[in-house]
C-alpha atoms as a PDB file:
ATOM      1  CA  UNK A   1     121.777  82.098  49.637  1.00  0.00           C
ATOM      2  CA  UNK A   2     120.319  83.552  46.468  1.00  0.00           C
ATOM      3  CA  UNK A   3     121.705  86.826  45.193  1.00  0.00           C
ATOM      4  CA  UNK A   4     119.500  89.709  44.046  1.00  0.00           C
ATOM      5  CA  UNK A   5     119.534  88.687  40.371  1.00  0.00           C
ATOM      6  CA  UNK A   6     118.702  85.093  41.215  1.00  0.00           C
ATOM      7  CA  UNK A   7     115.848  86.118  43.490  1.00  0.00           C
ATOM      8  CA  UNK A   8     114.359  88.153  40.649  1.00  0.00           C
ATOM      9  CA  UNK A   9     114.835  85.360  38.094  1.00  0.00           C
ATOM     10  CA  UNK A  10     113.215  82.726  40.338  1.00  0.00           C
ATOM     11  CA  UNK A  11     110.523  84.934  41.887  1.00  0.00           C
ATOM     12  CA  UNK A  12     107.634  82.725  40.715  1.00  0.00           C
ATOM     13  CA  UNK A  13     109.315  79.675  42.243  1.00  0.00           C
ATOM     14  CA  UNK A  14     109.898  81.531  45.486  1.00  0.00           C
ATOM     15  CA  UNK A  15     106.176  82.326  45.622  1.00  0.00           C
ATOM     16  CA  UNK A  16     105.339  78.614  45.582  1.00  0.00           C
ATOM     17  CA  UNK A  17     105.180  77.286  49.135  1.00  0.00           C
ATOM     18  CA  UNK A  18     106.137  73.826  47.827  1.00  0.00           C
ATOM     19  CA  UNK A  19     109.419  75.215  46.482  1.00  0.00           C
ATOM     20  CA  UNK A  20     110.267  78.563  48.092  1.00  0.00           C
ATOM     21  CA  UNK A  21     113.849  79.543  48.830  1.00  0.00           C
ATOM     22  CA  UNK A  22     114.721  76.147  50.324  1.00  0.00           C
ATOM     23  CA  UNK A  23     113.629  74.352  47.159  1.00  0.00           C
ATOM     24  CA  UNK A  24     115.339  76.873  44.902  1.00  0.00           C
ATOM     25  CA  UNK A  25     118.589  76.357  46.788  1.00  0.00           C
ATOM     26  CA  UNK A  26     118.212  72.596  46.211  1.00  0.00           C
ATOM     27  CA  UNK A  27     117.898  73.295  42.477  1.00  0.00           C
ATOM     28  CA  UNK A  28     120.950  75.560  42.639  1.00  0.00           C
ATOM     29  CA  UNK A  29     123.003  72.824  44.297  1.00  0.00           C
ATOM     30  CA  UNK A  30     121.826  70.089  41.917  1.00  0.00           C
ATOM     31  CA  UNK A  31     123.922  68.595  39.120  1.00  0.00           C
ATOM     32  CA  UNK A  32     121.875  67.231  36.214  1.00  0.00           C
ATOM     33  CA  UNK A  33     123.233  65.550  33.086  1.00  0.00           C
ATOM     34  CA  UNK A  34     121.185  65.526  29.879  1.00  0.00           C
ATOM     35  CA  UNK A  35     122.316  62.862  27.414  1.00  0.00           C
ATOM     36  CA  UNK A  36     121.337  63.996  23.933  1.00  0.00           C
ATOM     37  CA  UNK A  37     120.729  67.622  22.938  1.00  0.00           C
ATOM     38  CA  UNK A  38     118.126  66.745  20.306  1.00  0.00           C
ATOM     39  CA  UNK A  39     114.338  66.636  20.269  1.00  0.00           C
ATOM     40  CA  UNK A  40     113.942  65.644  23.933  1.00  0.00           C
ATOM     41  CA  UNK A  41     117.114  67.245  25.201  1.00  0.00           C
ATOM     42  CA  UNK A  42     116.394  70.752  23.882  1.00  0.00           C
ATOM     43  CA  UNK A  43     113.157  71.387  25.839  1.00  0.00           C
ATOM     44  CA  UNK A  44     114.474  69.548  28.892  1.00  0.00           C
ATOM     45  CA  UNK A  45     117.622  71.692  28.877  1.00  0.00           C
ATOM     46  CA  UNK A  46     115.668  74.914  28.330  1.00  0.00           C
ATOM     47  CA  UNK A  47     113.402  74.368  31.320  1.00  0.00           C
ATOM     48  CA  UNK A  48     116.116  72.956  33.586  1.00  0.00           C
ATOM     49  CA  UNK A  49     118.323  75.959  32.833  1.00  0.00           C
ATOM     50  CA  UNK A  50     115.425  78.390  33.349  1.00  0.00           C
ATOM     51  CA  UNK A  51     114.527  76.639  36.621  1.00  0.00           C
ATOM     52  CA  UNK A  52     118.010  77.252  38.013  1.00  0.00           C
ATOM     53  CA  UNK A  53     119.726  73.852  38.038  1.00  0.00           C
ATOM     54  CA  UNK A  54     123.131  74.894  39.363  1.00  0.00           C
ATOM     55  CA  UNK A  55     125.199  72.605  37.173  1.00  0.00           C
ATOM     56  CA  UNK A  56     123.915  71.303  33.847  1.00  0.00           C
ATOM     57  CA  UNK A  57     125.815  68.754  31.773  1.00  0.00           C
ATOM     58  CA  UNK A  58     125.229  68.190  28.063  1.00  0.00           C
ATOM     59  CA  UNK A  59     126.395  65.036  26.251  1.00  0.00           C
ATOM     60  CA  UNK A  60     126.128  65.078  22.461  1.00  0.00           C
ATOM     61  CA  UNK A  61     128.735  64.526  19.755  1.00  0.00           C
ATOM     62  CA  UNK A  62     126.398  65.425  16.921  1.00  0.00           C
ATOM     63  CA  UNK A  63     126.231  68.483  14.685  1.00  0.00           C
ATOM     64  CA  UNK A  64     123.160  70.565  13.853  1.00  0.00           C
ATOM     65  CA  UNK A  65     121.467  69.959  10.509  1.00  0.00           C
ATOM     66  CA  UNK A  66     118.497  71.503   8.776  1.00  0.00           C
ATOM     67  CA  UNK A  67     116.112  68.642   9.493  1.00  0.00           C
ATOM     68  CA  UNK A  68     116.661  69.126  13.252  1.00  0.00           C
ATOM     69  CA  UNK A  69     115.024  72.552  13.308  1.00  0.00           C
ATOM     70  CA  UNK A  70     111.472  71.177  13.060  1.00  0.00           C
ATOM     71  CA  UNK A  71     111.713  70.039  16.708  1.00  0.00           C
ATOM     72  CA  UNK A  72     115.108  70.958  18.234  1.00  0.00           C
ATOM     73  CA  UNK A  73     114.163  74.438  19.371  1.00  0.00           C
ATOM     74  CA  UNK A  74     117.535  75.520  20.777  1.00  0.00           C
ATOM     75  CA  UNK A  75     119.003  75.904  17.286  1.00  0.00           C
ATOM     76  CA  UNK A  76     118.635  78.239  14.294  1.00  0.00           C
ATOM     77  CA  UNK A  77     119.551  78.075  10.606  1.00  0.00           C
ATOM     78  CA  UNK A  78     122.838  79.877  11.210  1.00  0.00           C
ATOM     79  CA  UNK A  79     123.873  77.045  13.570  1.00  0.00           C
ATOM     80  CA  UNK A  80     123.717  74.306  10.903  1.00  0.00           C
ATOM     81  CA  UNK A  81     126.983  72.365  10.822  1.00  0.00           C
ATOM     82  CA  UNK A  82     127.970  73.406  14.347  1.00  0.00           C
ATOM     83  CA  UNK A  83     128.279  71.322  17.520  1.00  0.00           C
ATOM     84  CA  UNK A  84     124.983  70.724  19.314  1.00  0.00           C
ATOM     85  CA  UNK A  85     126.649  70.660  22.730  1.00  0.00           C
ATOM     86  CA  UNK A  86     128.469  73.964  22.275  1.00  0.00           C
ATOM     87  CA  UNK A  87     125.553  75.834  20.689  1.00  0.00           C
ATOM     88  CA  UNK A  88     123.205  74.537  23.396  1.00  0.00           C
ATOM     89  CA  UNK A  89     125.549  75.849  26.082  1.00  0.00           C
ATOM     90  CA  UNK A  90     125.745  79.216  24.327  1.00  0.00           C
ATOM     91  CA  UNK A  91     121.954  79.589  24.096  1.00  0.00           C
ATOM     92  CA  UNK A  92     121.313  78.350  27.655  1.00  0.00           C
ATOM     93  CA  UNK A  93     123.919  80.717  29.108  1.00  0.00           C
ATOM     94  CA  UNK A  94     122.007  83.625  27.573  1.00  0.00           C
ATOM     95  CA  UNK A  95     118.782  82.311  29.105  1.00  0.00           C
ATOM     96  CA  UNK A  96     120.272  81.974  32.585  1.00  0.00           C
ATOM     97  CA  UNK A  97     123.786  83.315  33.289  1.00  0.00           C
ATOM     98  CA  UNK A  98     123.485  82.222  36.943  1.00  0.00           C
ATOM     99  CA  UNK A  99     124.173  78.539  36.223  1.00  0.00           C
ATOM    100  CA  UNK A 100     127.258  76.524  35.231  1.00  0.00           C
ATOM    101  CA  UNK A 101     127.119  74.382  32.082  1.00  0.00           C
ATOM    102  CA  UNK A 102     129.473  71.505  31.226  1.00  0.00           C
ATOM    103  CA  UNK A 103     129.721  70.299  27.637  1.00  0.00           C
ATOM    104  CA  UNK A 104     130.739  66.781  26.654  1.00  0.00           C
ATOM    105  CA  UNK A 105     131.089  67.018  22.869  1.00  0.00           C
ATOM    106  CA  UNK A 106     131.043  63.260  22.341  1.00  0.00           C
ATOM    107  CA  UNK A 107     128.710  60.296  22.123  1.00  0.00           C
ATOM    108  CA  UNK A 108     128.187  58.183  25.231  1.00  0.00           C
ATOM    109  CA  UNK A 109     129.825  54.748  25.058  1.00  0.00           C
ATOM    110  CA  UNK A 110     131.047  51.951  27.299  1.00  0.00           C
ATOM    111  CA  UNK A 111     134.428  53.628  27.725  1.00  0.00           C
ATOM    112  CA  UNK A 112     133.241  57.041  28.904  1.00  0.00           C
ATOM    113  CA  UNK A 113     129.770  56.459  30.411  1.00  0.00           C
ATOM    114  CA  UNK A 114     130.736  55.756  34.015  1.00  0.00           C
ATOM    115  CA  UNK A 115     133.268  58.585  34.248  1.00  0.00           C
ATOM    116  CA  UNK A 116     130.892  61.170  32.758  1.00  0.00           C
ATOM    117  CA  UNK A 117     127.812  60.147  34.751  1.00  0.00           C
ATOM    118  CA  UNK A 118     129.690  59.938  38.064  1.00  0.00           C
ATOM    119  CA  UNK A 119     129.894  63.744  38.385  1.00  0.00           C
ATOM    120  CA  UNK A 120     126.105  64.252  38.346  1.00  0.00           C
ATOM    121  CA  UNK A 121     123.214  63.630  40.737  1.00  0.00           C
ATOM    122  CA  UNK A 122     120.458  63.016  38.215  1.00  0.00           C
ATOM    123  CA  UNK A 123     120.513  61.784  34.603  1.00  0.00           C
ATOM    124  CA  UNK A 124     118.059  62.663  31.816  1.00  0.00           C
ATOM    125  CA  UNK A 125     117.789  60.282  28.860  1.00  0.00           C
ATOM    126  CA  UNK A 126     117.312  62.324  25.694  1.00  0.00           C
ATOM    127  CA  UNK A 127     118.751  59.662  23.412  1.00  0.00           C
ATOM    128  CA  UNK A 128     117.128  58.247  20.269  1.00  0.00           C
ATOM    129  CA  UNK A 129     118.477  54.683  20.162  1.00  0.00           C
ATOM    130  CA  UNK A 130     118.202  51.509  22.205  1.00  0.00           C
ATOM    131  CA  UNK A 131     121.949  51.007  22.640  1.00  0.00           C
ATOM    132  CA  UNK A 132     122.294  54.290  24.537  1.00  0.00           C
ATOM    133  CA  UNK A 133     119.144  53.675  26.590  1.00  0.00           C
ATOM    134  CA  UNK A 134     120.399  50.328  27.876  1.00  0.00           C
ATOM    135  CA  UNK A 135     123.892  51.704  28.424  1.00  0.00           C
ATOM    136  CA  UNK A 136     122.467  54.637  30.414  1.00  0.00           C
ATOM    137  CA  UNK A 137     120.236  52.381  32.472  1.00  0.00           C
ATOM    138  CA  UNK A 138     123.022  49.989  33.413  1.00  0.00           C
ATOM    139  CA  UNK A 139     125.482  52.801  34.166  1.00  0.00           C
ATOM    140  CA  UNK A 140     122.894  54.464  36.421  1.00  0.00           C
ATOM    141  CA  UNK A 141     122.302  51.205  38.295  1.00  0.00           C
ATOM    142  CA  UNK A 142     126.043  50.683  38.812  1.00  0.00           C
ATOM    143  CA  UNK A 143     126.503  54.289  40.000  1.00  0.00           C
ATOM    144  CA  UNK A 144     123.176  54.380  41.905  1.00  0.00           C
ATOM    145  CA  UNK A 145     121.841  57.355  39.897  1.00  0.00           C
ATOM    146  CA  UNK A 146     118.207  58.169  39.148  1.00  0.00           C
ATOM    147  CA  UNK A 147     117.392  58.140  35.421  1.00  0.00           C
ATOM    148  CA  UNK A 148     114.570  60.229  33.920  1.00  0.00           C
ATOM    149  CA  UNK A 149     113.513  58.474  30.724  1.00  0.00           C
ATOM    150  CA  UNK A 150     111.733  59.760  27.633  1.00  0.00           C
ATOM    151  CA  UNK A 151     111.054  58.227  24.216  1.00  0.00           C
ATOM    152  CA  UNK A 152     109.181  59.166  21.040  1.00  0.00           C
ATOM    153  CA  UNK A 153     107.468  57.398  18.164  1.00  0.00           C
ATOM    154  CA  UNK A 154     105.504  59.302  15.517  1.00  0.00           C
ATOM    155  CA  UNK A 155     102.661  60.883  17.570  1.00  0.00           C
ATOM    156  CA  UNK A 156     103.274  59.103  20.863  1.00  0.00           C
ATOM    157  CA  UNK A 157     105.668  59.704  23.741  1.00  0.00           C
ATOM    158  CA  UNK A 158     106.711  57.804  26.855  1.00  0.00           C
ATOM    159  CA  UNK A 159     108.165  58.981  30.154  1.00  0.00           C
ATOM    160  CA  UNK A 160     109.215  57.249  33.365  1.00  0.00           C
ATOM    161  CA  UNK A 161     111.724  57.453  36.210  1.00  0.00           C
ATOM    162  CA  UNK A 162     114.117  54.552  36.695  1.00  0.00           C
ATOM    163  CA  UNK A 163     116.349  53.402  39.554  1.00  0.00           C
ATOM    164  CA  UNK A 164     114.916  56.029  41.896  1.00  0.00           C
ATOM    165  CA  UNK A 165     115.735  55.100  45.494  1.00  0.00           C
ATOM    166  CA  UNK A 166     116.295  51.504  44.415  1.00  0.00           C
ATOM    167  CA  UNK A 167     113.104  51.370  42.368  1.00  0.00           C
ATOM    168  CA  UNK A 168     112.485  49.565  39.042  1.00  0.00           C
ATOM    169  CA  UNK A 169     114.881  50.102  36.155  1.00  0.00           C
ATOM    170  CA  UNK A 170     114.508  50.277  32.379  1.00  0.00           C
ATOM    171  CA  UNK A 171     115.321  46.559  32.181  1.00  0.00           C
ATOM    172  CA  UNK A 172     112.435  45.770  34.540  1.00  0.00           C
ATOM    173  CA  UNK A 173     110.177  47.172  31.838  1.00  0.00           C
ATOM    174  CA  UNK A 174     112.179  46.104  28.764  1.00  0.00           C
ATOM    175  CA  UNK A 175     114.595  43.327  29.815  1.00  0.00           C
ATOM    176  CA  UNK A 176     116.437  42.805  26.527  1.00  0.00           C
ATOM    177  CA  UNK A 177     117.839  44.940  23.726  1.00  0.00           C
ATOM    178  CA  UNK A 178     115.449  44.583  20.747  1.00  0.00           C
ATOM    179  CA  UNK A 179     116.595  43.083  17.465  1.00  0.00           C
ATOM    180  CA  UNK A 180     117.394  45.210  14.424  1.00  0.00           C
ATOM    181  CA  UNK A 181     113.976  44.451  12.939  1.00  0.00           C
ATOM    182  CA  UNK A 182     112.296  45.694  16.130  1.00  0.00           C
ATOM    183  CA  UNK A 183     114.267  48.951  16.232  1.00  0.00           C
ATOM    184  CA  UNK A 184     112.494  51.795  14.412  1.00  0.00           C
ATOM    185  CA  UNK A 185     114.651  54.529  12.922  1.00  0.00           C
ATOM    186  CA  UNK A 186     113.368  58.078  13.442  1.00  0.00           C
ATOM    187  CA  UNK A 187     114.844  59.109  10.099  1.00  0.00           C
ATOM    188  CA  UNK A 188     112.517  56.599   8.437  1.00  0.00           C
ATOM    189  CA  UNK A 189     109.394  56.843  10.622  1.00  0.00           C
ATOM    190  CA  UNK A 190     109.370  60.540  11.487  1.00  0.00           C
ATOM    191  CA  UNK A 191     108.063  62.315  14.573  1.00  0.00           C
ATOM    192  CA  UNK A 192     105.614  65.181  15.067  1.00  0.00           C
ATOM    193  CA  UNK A 193     107.742  68.240  15.826  1.00  0.00           C
ATOM    194  CA  UNK A 194     105.821  69.453  18.874  1.00  0.00           C
ATOM    195  CA  UNK A 195     105.830  66.034  20.594  1.00  0.00           C
ATOM    196  CA  UNK A 196     109.448  66.185  21.871  1.00  0.00           C
ATOM    197  CA  UNK A 197     108.627  69.557  23.419  1.00  0.00           C
ATOM    198  CA  UNK A 198     105.838  67.973  25.460  1.00  0.00           C
ATOM    199  CA  UNK A 199     107.789  64.905  26.598  1.00  0.00           C
ATOM    200  CA  UNK A 200     111.054  66.788  27.172  1.00  0.00           C
ATOM    201  CA  UNK A 201     109.217  69.332  29.328  1.00  0.00           C
ATOM    202  CA  UNK A 202     107.723  66.466  31.326  1.00  0.00           C
ATOM    203  CA  UNK A 203     111.230  65.110  31.885  1.00  0.00           C
ATOM    204  CA  UNK A 204     112.322  68.497  33.219  1.00  0.00           C
ATOM    205  CA  UNK A 205     109.274  68.503  35.514  1.00  0.00           C
ATOM    206  CA  UNK A 206     110.191  65.071  36.905  1.00  0.00           C
ATOM    207  CA  UNK A 207     113.730  66.326  37.598  1.00  0.00           C
ATOM    208  CA  UNK A 208     112.445  69.364  39.506  1.00  0.00           C
ATOM    209  CA  UNK A 209     110.028  67.207  41.534  1.00  0.00           C
ATOM    210  CA  UNK A 210     112.802  64.778  42.452  1.00  0.00           C
ATOM    211  CA  UNK A 211     115.299  67.487  43.406  1.00  0.00           C
ATOM    212  CA  UNK A 212     112.792  69.541  45.427  1.00  0.00           C
ATOM    213  CA  UNK A 213     111.218  66.380  46.883  1.00  0.00           C
ATOM    214  CA  UNK A 214     107.686  67.381  45.929  1.00  0.00           C
ATOM    215  CA  UNK A 215     104.867  65.453  44.275  1.00  0.00           C
ATOM    216  CA  UNK A 216     105.069  61.822  43.202  1.00  0.00           C
ATOM    217  CA  UNK A 217     107.802  60.889  40.674  1.00  0.00           C
ATOM    218  CA  UNK A 218     106.953  58.418  37.909  1.00  0.00           C
ATOM    219  CA  UNK A 219     108.984  55.637  39.531  1.00  0.00           C
ATOM    220  CA  UNK A 220     107.410  52.266  38.713  1.00  0.00           C
ATOM    221  CA  UNK A 221     105.028  54.003  36.311  1.00  0.00           C
ATOM    222  CA  UNK A 222     105.266  54.378  32.542  1.00  0.00           C
ATOM    223  CA  UNK A 223     103.216  57.327  31.283  1.00  0.00           C
ATOM    224  CA  UNK A 224     102.184  57.103  27.618  1.00  0.00           C
ATOM    225  CA  UNK A 225     100.996  60.267  25.859  1.00  0.00           C
ATOM    226  CA  UNK A 226      99.081  60.115  22.569  1.00  0.00           C
ATOM    227  CA  UNK A 227      99.261  63.439  20.754  1.00  0.00           C
ATOM    228  CA  UNK A 228      96.573  62.644  18.193  1.00  0.00           C
ATOM    229  CA  UNK A 229      93.957  61.673  20.747  1.00  0.00           C
ATOM    230  CA  UNK A 230      95.264  63.916  23.550  1.00  0.00           C
ATOM    231  CA  UNK A 231      95.090  61.003  25.951  1.00  0.00           C
ATOM    232  CA  UNK A 232      97.424  59.599  28.574  1.00  0.00           C
ATOM    233  CA  UNK A 233      97.571  56.225  30.209  1.00  0.00           C
ATOM    234  CA  UNK A 234      99.759  54.887  32.976  1.00  0.00           C
ATOM    235  CA  UNK A 235     101.224  51.409  33.213  1.00  0.00           C
ATOM    236  CA  UNK A 236     102.532  50.235  36.579  1.00  0.00           C
ATOM    237  CA  UNK A 237     105.523  47.910  36.784  1.00  0.00           C
ATOM    238  CA  UNK A 238     107.619  46.512  39.618  1.00  0.00           C
ATOM    239  CA  UNK A 239     111.270  45.796  40.229  1.00  0.00           C
ATOM    240  CA  UNK A 240     112.507  42.515  38.733  1.00  0.00           C
ATOM    241  CA  UNK A 241     114.736  41.087  41.442  1.00  0.00           C
ATOM    242  CA  UNK A 242     116.136  38.498  39.045  1.00  0.00           C
ATOM    243  CA  UNK A 243     117.892  41.181  36.991  1.00  0.00           C
ATOM    244  CA  UNK A 244     121.396  41.828  38.308  1.00  0.00           C
ATOM    245  CA  UNK A 245     123.559  44.564  36.797  1.00  0.00           C
ATOM    246  CA  UNK A 246     127.156  44.811  37.968  1.00  0.00           C
ATOM    247  CA  UNK A 247     129.038  45.768  34.812  1.00  0.00           C
ATOM    248  CA  UNK A 248     128.540  47.267  31.377  1.00  0.00           C
ATOM    249  CA  UNK A 249     128.076  44.720  28.593  1.00  0.00           C
ATOM    250  CA  UNK A 250     127.613  44.638  24.823  1.00  0.00           C
ATOM    251  CA  UNK A 251     124.827  46.994  23.731  1.00  0.00           C
ATOM    252  CA  UNK A 252     124.838  46.306  20.012  1.00  0.00           C
ATOM    253  CA  UNK A 253     121.420  45.533  18.547  1.00  0.00           C
ATOM    254  CA  UNK A 254     121.052  41.733  18.115  1.00  0.00           C
ATOM    255  CA  UNK A 255     121.292  40.674  14.511  1.00  0.00           C
ATOM    256  CA  UNK A 256     123.771  43.421  13.666  1.00  0.00           C
ATOM    257  CA  UNK A 257     127.027  41.850  14.756  1.00  0.00           C
ATOM    258  CA  UNK A 258     127.898  39.382  11.999  1.00  0.00           C
ATOM    259  CA  UNK A 259     128.641  41.159   8.743  1.00  0.00           C
ATOM    260  CA  UNK A 260     130.393  40.411   5.468  1.00  0.00           C
ATOM    261  CA  UNK A 261     131.082  44.075   4.746  1.00  0.00           C
ATOM    262  CA  UNK A 262     133.448  46.563   6.298  1.00  0.00           C
ATOM    263  CA  UNK A 263     132.800  49.708   8.315  1.00  0.00           C
ATOM    264  CA  UNK A 264     135.117  52.522   7.270  1.00  0.00           C
ATOM    265  CA  UNK A 265     135.801  55.964   8.674  1.00  0.00           C
ATOM    266  CA  UNK A 266     135.397  59.253   6.811  1.00  0.00           C
ATOM    267  CA  UNK A 267     139.169  59.425   6.349  1.00  0.00           C
ATOM    268  CA  UNK A 268     139.309  55.920   4.889  1.00  0.00           C
ATOM    269  CA  UNK A 269     136.365  56.640   2.582  1.00  0.00           C
ATOM    270  CA  UNK A 270     137.940  59.895   1.406  1.00  0.00           C
ATOM    271  CA  UNK A 271     141.208  58.129   0.594  1.00  0.00           C
ATOM    272  CA  UNK A 272     139.377  55.349  -1.274  1.00  0.00           C
ATOM    273  CA  UNK A 273     137.475  57.856  -3.395  1.00  0.00           C
ATOM    274  CA  UNK A 274     140.678  59.691  -4.227  1.00  0.00           C
ATOM    275  CA  UNK A 275     142.854  56.666  -5.004  1.00  0.00           C
ATOM    276  CA  UNK A 276     140.477  54.009  -6.364  1.00  0.00           C
ATOM    277  CA  UNK A 277     139.011  54.643  -9.815  1.00  0.00           C
ATOM    278  CA  UNK A 278     136.290  52.004  -9.903  1.00  0.00           C
ATOM    279  CA  UNK A 279     134.313  52.782  -6.779  1.00  0.00           C
ATOM    280  CA  UNK A 280     130.729  53.925  -6.249  1.00  0.00           C
ATOM    281  CA  UNK A 281     129.436  56.340  -3.628  1.00  0.00           C
ATOM    282  CA  UNK A 282     125.835  55.379  -2.834  1.00  0.00           C
ATOM    283  CA  UNK A 283     123.480  57.494  -0.735  1.00  0.00           C
ATOM    284  CA  UNK A 284     120.610  55.352   0.647  1.00  0.00           C
ATOM    285  CA  UNK A 285     118.566  58.225   2.092  1.00  0.00           C
ATOM    286  CA  UNK A 286     115.216  59.060   0.565  1.00  0.00           C
ATOM    287  CA  UNK A 287     115.168  61.139  -2.631  1.00  0.00           C
ATOM    288  CA  UNK A 288     113.954  64.335  -0.934  1.00  0.00           C
ATOM    289  CA  UNK A 289     116.810  64.098   1.564  1.00  0.00           C
ATOM    290  CA  UNK A 290     119.360  63.591  -1.203  1.00  0.00           C
ATOM    291  CA  UNK A 291     118.024  66.514  -3.237  1.00  0.00           C
ATOM    292  CA  UNK A 292     118.131  68.814  -0.211  1.00  0.00           C
ATOM    293  CA  UNK A 293     121.735  68.000   0.678  1.00  0.00           C
ATOM    294  CA  UNK A 294     124.279  65.515  -0.656  1.00  0.00           C
ATOM    295  CA  UNK A 295     127.974  64.905  -1.276  1.00  0.00           C
ATOM    296  CA  UNK A 296     127.520  63.491  -4.762  1.00  0.00           C
ATOM    297  CA  UNK A 297     127.340  59.882  -5.849  1.00  0.00           C
ATOM    298  CA  UNK A 298     124.283  57.799  -6.686  1.00  0.00           C
ATOM    299  CA  UNK A 299     120.994  58.055  -4.801  1.00  0.00           C
ATOM    300  CA  UNK A 300     119.530  54.609  -4.137  1.00  0.00           C
ATOM    301  CA  UNK A 301     117.070  54.788  -1.205  1.00  0.00           C
ATOM    302  CA  UNK A 302     117.042  51.956   1.293  1.00  0.00           C
ATOM    303  CA  UNK A 303     113.342  51.458   0.542  1.00  0.00           C
ATOM    304  CA  UNK A 304     114.238  50.737  -3.108  1.00  0.00           C
ATOM    305  CA  UNK A 305     116.981  48.323  -2.112  1.00  0.00           C
ATOM    306  CA  UNK A 306     114.572  46.471   0.168  1.00  0.00           C
ATOM    307  CA  UNK A 307     111.832  46.318  -2.482  1.00  0.00           C
ATOM    308  CA  UNK A 308     113.918  45.419  -5.547  1.00  0.00           C
ATOM    309  CA  UNK A 309     116.004  42.273  -5.825  1.00  0.00           C
ATOM    310  CA  UNK A 310     117.345  43.382  -9.223  1.00  0.00           C
ATOM    311  CA  UNK A 311     119.415  46.555  -8.999  1.00  0.00           C
ATOM    312  CA  UNK A 312     121.430  48.270 -11.720  1.00  0.00           C
ATOM    313  CA  UNK A 313     124.685  47.834  -9.822  1.00  0.00           C
ATOM    314  CA  UNK A 314     127.849  45.901 -10.623  1.00  0.00           C
ATOM    315  CA  UNK A 315     128.175  43.223  -7.945  1.00  0.00           C
ATOM    316  CA  UNK A 316     131.941  43.156  -8.313  1.00  0.00           C
ATOM    317  CA  UNK A 317     132.462  46.918  -8.113  1.00  0.00           C
ATOM    318  CA  UNK A 318     133.474  48.434  -4.780  1.00  0.00           C
ATOM    319  CA  UNK A 319     130.797  50.631  -3.206  1.00  0.00           C
ATOM    320  CA  UNK A 320     130.761  53.022  -0.259  1.00  0.00           C
ATOM    321  CA  UNK A 321     127.274  53.132   1.222  1.00  0.00           C
ATOM    322  CA  UNK A 322     126.155  56.023   3.396  1.00  0.00           C
ATOM    323  CA  UNK A 323     123.045  57.651   4.869  1.00  0.00           C
ATOM    324  CA  UNK A 324     122.571  60.415   7.428  1.00  0.00           C
ATOM    325  CA  UNK A 325     123.976  58.717  10.519  1.00  0.00           C
ATOM    326  CA  UNK A 326     125.013  55.186   9.512  1.00  0.00           C
ATOM    327  CA  UNK A 327     121.920  53.227  10.595  1.00  0.00           C
ATOM    328  CA  UNK A 328     120.158  52.895   7.249  1.00  0.00           C
ATOM    329  CA  UNK A 329     123.425  52.333   5.399  1.00  0.00           C
ATOM    330  CA  UNK A 330     124.202  49.468   7.784  1.00  0.00           C
ATOM    331  CA  UNK A 331     120.903  47.823   6.847  1.00  0.00           C
ATOM    332  CA  UNK A 332     121.567  48.448   3.160  1.00  0.00           C
ATOM    333  CA  UNK A 333     125.011  46.863   3.435  1.00  0.00           C
ATOM    334  CA  UNK A 334     123.523  43.795   5.111  1.00  0.00           C
ATOM    335  CA  UNK A 335     120.996  43.368   2.297  1.00  0.00           C
ATOM    336  CA  UNK A 336     123.518  43.927  -0.497  1.00  0.00           C
ATOM    337  CA  UNK A 337     126.137  41.622   1.007  1.00  0.00           C
ATOM    338  CA  UNK A 338     123.545  38.844   1.362  1.00  0.00           C
ATOM    339  CA  UNK A 339     122.699  39.281  -2.324  1.00  0.00           C
ATOM    340  CA  UNK A 340     126.292  38.669  -3.326  1.00  0.00           C
ATOM    341  CA  UNK A 341     127.644  42.200  -3.740  1.00  0.00           C
ATOM    342  CA  UNK A 342     131.396  42.323  -3.155  1.00  0.00           C
ATOM    343  CA  UNK A 343     133.575  45.035  -1.604  1.00  0.00           C
ATOM    344  CA  UNK A 344     130.768  46.771   0.278  1.00  0.00           C
ATOM    345  CA  UNK A 345     131.837  49.536   2.655  1.00  0.00           C
ATOM    346  CA  UNK A 346     129.616  51.208   5.258  1.00  0.00           C
ATOM    347  CA  UNK A 347     130.507  54.817   6.072  1.00  0.00           C
ATOM    348  CA  UNK A 348     130.547  55.086   9.870  1.00  0.00           C
ATOM    349  CA  UNK A 349     128.579  58.077  11.084  1.00  0.00           C
ATOM    350  CA  UNK A 350     127.223  58.803   7.604  1.00  0.00           C
ATOM    351  CA  UNK A 351     126.792  62.296   6.229  1.00  0.00           C
ATOM    352  CA  UNK A 352     126.959  63.757   9.732  1.00  0.00           C
ATOM    353  CA  UNK A 353     130.469  62.396  10.268  1.00  0.00           C
ATOM    354  CA  UNK A 354     131.495  63.494   6.775  1.00  0.00           C
ATOM    355  CA  UNK A 355     130.423  67.087   7.426  1.00  0.00           C
ATOM    356  CA  UNK A 356     131.943  67.053  10.877  1.00  0.00           C
ATOM    357  CA  UNK A 357     135.342  66.133   9.474  1.00  0.00           C
ATOM    358  CA  UNK A 358     135.161  68.915   6.836  1.00  0.00           C
ATOM    359  CA  UNK A 359     136.221  66.426   4.176  1.00  0.00           C
ATOM    360  CA  UNK A 360     135.386  66.958   0.513  1.00  0.00           C
ATOM    361  CA  UNK A 361     134.977  64.296  -2.169  1.00  0.00           C
END
């Protein structure tokens, strides 16, 4: 039963014959996990919490930074440097105190995916990288969970529903993990701030439809939204019976496994900078990013490294390369190592991990 406060909160749902009290009780009993509390996750979480999902789970090991605020509408300037998962829970609890919210302040990986997902009925993909998307898909297939997918690129968004009642999966649409060259980085390409709000809200809508058993979910259908033209198109796809998923595998982007440089943690980098005299700290983010926020060192954007074969760097001098999250620095390390630079170190997690550890140079 709904109590008096809940009945008032959900009055507009109760007035819908398609939902009513029976549907609202289904929402109250539902357990939904949102993986990623970023651009897609924020609007999805807001509307799922407002709708009365009884148990919401949030998976995100990231911290809030200034550049998030253009699209991640759960956060404010005073939250910069704080945990996304914890701040999201705080804001959502104020929106709807009638629901229970679990926080998983970590990144999803092969070790924790199955255990985390197993406690939920429905999974929402709010991730921003291919490794997590394939990991989520395969974990959902193994656990027989429905996955509500969303993705963004510049002015365009995608949404679909995978593995719903044995329906097609993400791999039926995109069988293989793309190579590094085929994997766009949102830090480099950008995204229109309002777009995640549209797609994330659509993901929340698909969740509500599935839970209340109303309408037609986007199972076997990829909906593509173009924000510049205000158009949508739908692509139908079927289940590929040749694809068998029985265990989690390697989700690293092809072309990024063989390296001649070393990944190091924030602690290792901090110790190197303190103990080794001849070592460079190189920030490969764009100049405007560096000027807005940095931890010192030399600013050498990845775009400059890619464009210039002759760089004013000592090939024999040790260098710690970093960016915002570790993706661009990985590419920079690959390029530099191929050009003969020695003692190249890639800072795992980039500036985000550095801030999270509260280390100082």
